[in-house]
Structure formats: C-alpha cells, structure tokens
C-alpha cells in the first residue's frame, strides 16, 4: 500500500516542480519585456 502512494506523491511533486519552473520562466520574460 505504501509503495504506490509514495510513487504517486513523487509523480505529483515532479509535475508541480515543472509548473513552478514554467511560472518562473514566464516571470523572467515579463520582466525582460518591461
């Protein structure tokens, strides 16, 4: 039971790290344009 749960948590955190990276990149681009 614990195995699959930990696997999904890792998968979700990996996805959120990608989302956060994209947001940071967008912020940097917006600042460069101003």
PDB file of N, CA and C in Angstrom:
ATOM      1  N   UNK A   1       0.823  -1.202   0.000  1.00  0.00           N
ATOM      2  CA  UNK A   1       0.000   0.000   0.000  1.00  0.00           C
ATOM      3  C   UNK A   1       0.871   1.271   0.000  1.00  0.00           C
ATOM      4  N   UNK A   2       1.903   1.277   0.819  1.00  0.00           N
ATOM      5  CA  UNK A   2       2.736   2.480   0.944  1.00  0.00           C
ATOM      6  C   UNK A   2       3.492   2.767  -0.351  1.00  0.00           C
ATOM      7  N   UNK A   3       3.943   1.718  -1.039  1.00  0.00           N
ATOM      8  CA  UNK A   3       4.740   1.885  -2.261  1.00  0.00           C
ATOM      9  C   UNK A   3       4.061   2.767  -3.299  1.00  0.00           C
ATOM     10  N   UNK A   4       2.886   2.333  -3.807  1.00  0.00           N
ATOM     11  CA  UNK A   4       2.196   3.116  -4.844  1.00  0.00           C
ATOM     12  C   UNK A   4       1.889   4.544  -4.408  1.00  0.00           C
ATOM     13  N   UNK A   5       1.529   4.720  -3.137  1.00  0.00           N
ATOM     14  CA  UNK A   5       1.194   6.058  -2.646  1.00  0.00           C
ATOM     15  C   UNK A   5       2.406   6.977  -2.753  1.00  0.00           C
ATOM     16  N   UNK A   6       3.567   6.489  -2.328  1.00  0.00           N
ATOM     17  CA  UNK A   6       4.796   7.286  -2.400  1.00  0.00           C
ATOM     18  C   UNK A   6       5.126   7.586  -3.865  1.00  0.00           C
ATOM     19  N   UNK A   7       4.892   6.594  -4.740  1.00  0.00           N
ATOM     20  CA  UNK A   7       5.180   6.802  -6.163  1.00  0.00           C
ATOM     21  C   UNK A   7       4.321   7.926  -6.728  1.00  0.00           C
ATOM     22  N   UNK A   8       3.031   7.928  -6.390  1.00  0.00           N
ATOM     23  CA  UNK A   8       2.161   8.992  -6.910  1.00  0.00           C
ATOM     24  C   UNK A   8       2.574  10.342  -6.347  1.00  0.00           C
ATOM     25  N   UNK A   9       2.960  10.385  -5.093  1.00  0.00           N
ATOM     26  CA  UNK A   9       3.391  11.657  -4.495  1.00  0.00           C
ATOM     27  C   UNK A   9       4.612  12.199  -5.227  1.00  0.00           C
ATOM     28  N   UNK A  10       5.555  11.306  -5.558  1.00  0.00           N
ATOM     29  CA  UNK A  10       6.750  11.737  -6.286  1.00  0.00           C
ATOM     30  C   UNK A  10       6.354  12.267  -7.659  1.00  0.00           C
ATOM     31  N   UNK A  11       5.418  11.576  -8.322  1.00  0.00           N
ATOM     32  CA  UNK A  11       4.980  11.976  -9.650  1.00  0.00           C
ATOM     33  C   UNK A  11       4.339  13.365  -9.596  1.00  0.00           C
ATOM     34  N   UNK A  12       3.500  13.587  -8.588  1.00  0.00           N
ATOM     35  CA  UNK A  12       2.811  14.879  -8.451  1.00  0.00           C
ATOM     36  C   UNK A  12       3.815  15.995  -8.176  1.00  0.00           C
ATOM     37  N   UNK A  13       4.762  15.731  -7.257  1.00  0.00           N
ATOM     38  CA  UNK A  13       5.740  16.771  -6.918  1.00  0.00           C
ATOM     39  C   UNK A  13       6.597  17.105  -8.126  1.00  0.00           C
ATOM     40  N   UNK A  14       6.900  16.086  -8.949  1.00  0.00           N
ATOM     41  CA  UNK A  14       7.702  16.338 -10.150  1.00  0.00           C
ATOM     42  C   UNK A  14       6.931  17.246 -11.095  1.00  0.00           C
ATOM     43  N   UNK A  15       5.617  16.988 -11.213  1.00  0.00           N
ATOM     44  CA  UNK A  15       4.793  17.799 -12.105  1.00  0.00           C
ATOM     45  C   UNK A  15       4.738  19.237 -11.607  1.00  0.00           C
ATOM     46  N   UNK A  16       4.580  19.404 -10.286  1.00  0.00           N
ATOM     47  CA  UNK A  16       4.487  20.755  -9.731  1.00  0.00           C
ATOM     48  C   UNK A  16       5.804  21.506  -9.875  1.00  0.00           C
ATOM     49  N   UNK A  17       6.931  20.750  -9.813  1.00  0.00           N
ATOM     50  CA  UNK A  17       8.226  21.409  -9.999  1.00  0.00           C
ATOM     51  C   UNK A  17       8.297  21.973 -11.415  1.00  0.00           C
ATOM     52  N   UNK A  18       7.778  21.221 -12.382  1.00  0.00           N
ATOM     53  CA  UNK A  18       7.762  21.690 -13.766  1.00  0.00           C
ATOM     54  C   UNK A  18       6.884  22.926 -13.920  1.00  0.00           C
ATOM     55  N   UNK A  19       5.732  22.913 -13.238  1.00  0.00           N
ATOM     56  CA  UNK A  19       4.815  24.057 -13.304  1.00  0.00           C
ATOM     57  C   UNK A  19       5.475  25.291 -12.699  1.00  0.00           C
ATOM     58  N   UNK A  20       6.124  25.112 -11.553  1.00  0.00           N
ATOM     59  CA  UNK A  20       6.785  26.234 -10.885  1.00  0.00           C
ATOM     60  C   UNK A  20       7.896  26.800 -11.770  1.00  0.00           C
ATOM     61  N   UNK A  21       8.636  25.905 -12.439  1.00  0.00           N
ATOM     62  CA  UNK A  21       9.723  26.351 -13.309  1.00  0.00           C
ATOM     63  C   UNK A  21       9.158  27.173 -14.467  1.00  0.00           C
ATOM     64  N   UNK A  22       8.017  26.739 -15.013  1.00  0.00           N
ATOM     65  CA  UNK A  22       7.413  27.468 -16.122  1.00  0.00           C
ATOM     66  C   UNK A  22       6.940  28.846 -15.667  1.00  0.00           C
ATOM     67  N   UNK A  23       6.380  28.918 -14.461  1.00  0.00           N
ATOM     68  CA  UNK A  23       5.916  30.210 -13.938  1.00  0.00           C
ATOM     69  C   UNK A  23       7.094  31.157 -13.751  1.00  0.00           C
ATOM     70  N   UNK A  24       8.198  30.607 -13.228  1.00  0.00           N
ATOM     71  CA  UNK A  24       9.391  31.440 -13.014  1.00  0.00           C
ATOM     72  C   UNK A  24       9.908  31.958 -14.353  1.00  0.00           C
ATOM     73  N   UNK A  25       9.903  31.102 -15.360  1.00  0.00           N
ATOM     74  CA  UNK A  25      10.384  31.492 -16.683  1.00  0.00           C
ATOM     75  C   UNK A  25       9.498  32.607 -17.251  1.00  0.00           C
ATOM     76  N   UNK A  26       8.185  32.465 -17.088  1.00  0.00           N
ATOM     77  CA  UNK A  26       7.250  33.481 -17.587  1.00  0.00           C
ATOM     78  C   UNK A  26       7.496  34.814 -16.885  1.00  0.00           C
ATOM     79  N   UNK A  27       7.738  34.761 -15.576  1.00  0.00           N
ATOM     80  CA  UNK A  27       8.006  35.994 -14.824  1.00  0.00           C
ATOM     81  C   UNK A  27       9.249  36.688 -15.362  1.00  0.00           C
ATOM     82  N   UNK A  28      10.292  35.886 -15.635  1.00  0.00           N
ATOM     83  CA  UNK A  28      11.546  36.454 -16.132  1.00  0.00           C
ATOM     84  C   UNK A  28      11.319  37.120 -17.490  1.00  0.00           C
ATOM     85  N   UNK A  29      10.524  36.468 -18.351  1.00  0.00           N
ATOM     86  CA  UNK A  29      10.260  37.031 -19.672  1.00  0.00           C
ATOM     87  C   UNK A  29       9.474  38.335 -19.545  1.00  0.00           C
ATOM     88  N   UNK A  30       8.496  38.367 -18.643  1.00  0.00           N
ATOM     89  CA  UNK A  30       7.696  39.586 -18.450  1.00  0.00           C
ATOM     90  C   UNK A  30       8.576  40.739 -17.980  1.00  0.00           C
ATOM     91  N   UNK A  31       9.508  40.439 -17.066  1.00  0.00           N
ATOM     92  CA  UNK A  31      10.397  41.496 -16.559  1.00  0.00           C
ATOM     93  C   UNK A  31      11.314  42.006 -17.670  1.00  0.00           C
ATOM     94  N   UNK A  32      11.767  41.095 -18.529  1.00  0.00           N
ATOM     95  CA  UNK A  32      12.673  41.491 -19.606  1.00  0.00           C
ATOM     96  C   UNK A  32      11.952  42.398 -20.606  1.00  0.00           C
ATOM     97  N   UNK A  33      10.660  42.143 -20.826  1.00  0.00           N
ATOM     98  CA  UNK A  33       9.897  42.943 -21.786  1.00  0.00           C
ATOM     99  C   UNK A  33       9.662  44.362 -21.280  1.00  0.00           C
ATOM    100  N   UNK A  34       9.513  44.536 -19.974  1.00  0.00           N
ATOM    101  CA  UNK A  34       9.194  45.863 -19.429  1.00  0.00           C
ATOM    102  C   UNK A  34      10.331  46.854 -19.530  1.00  0.00           C
TER     103      UNK A  34
END
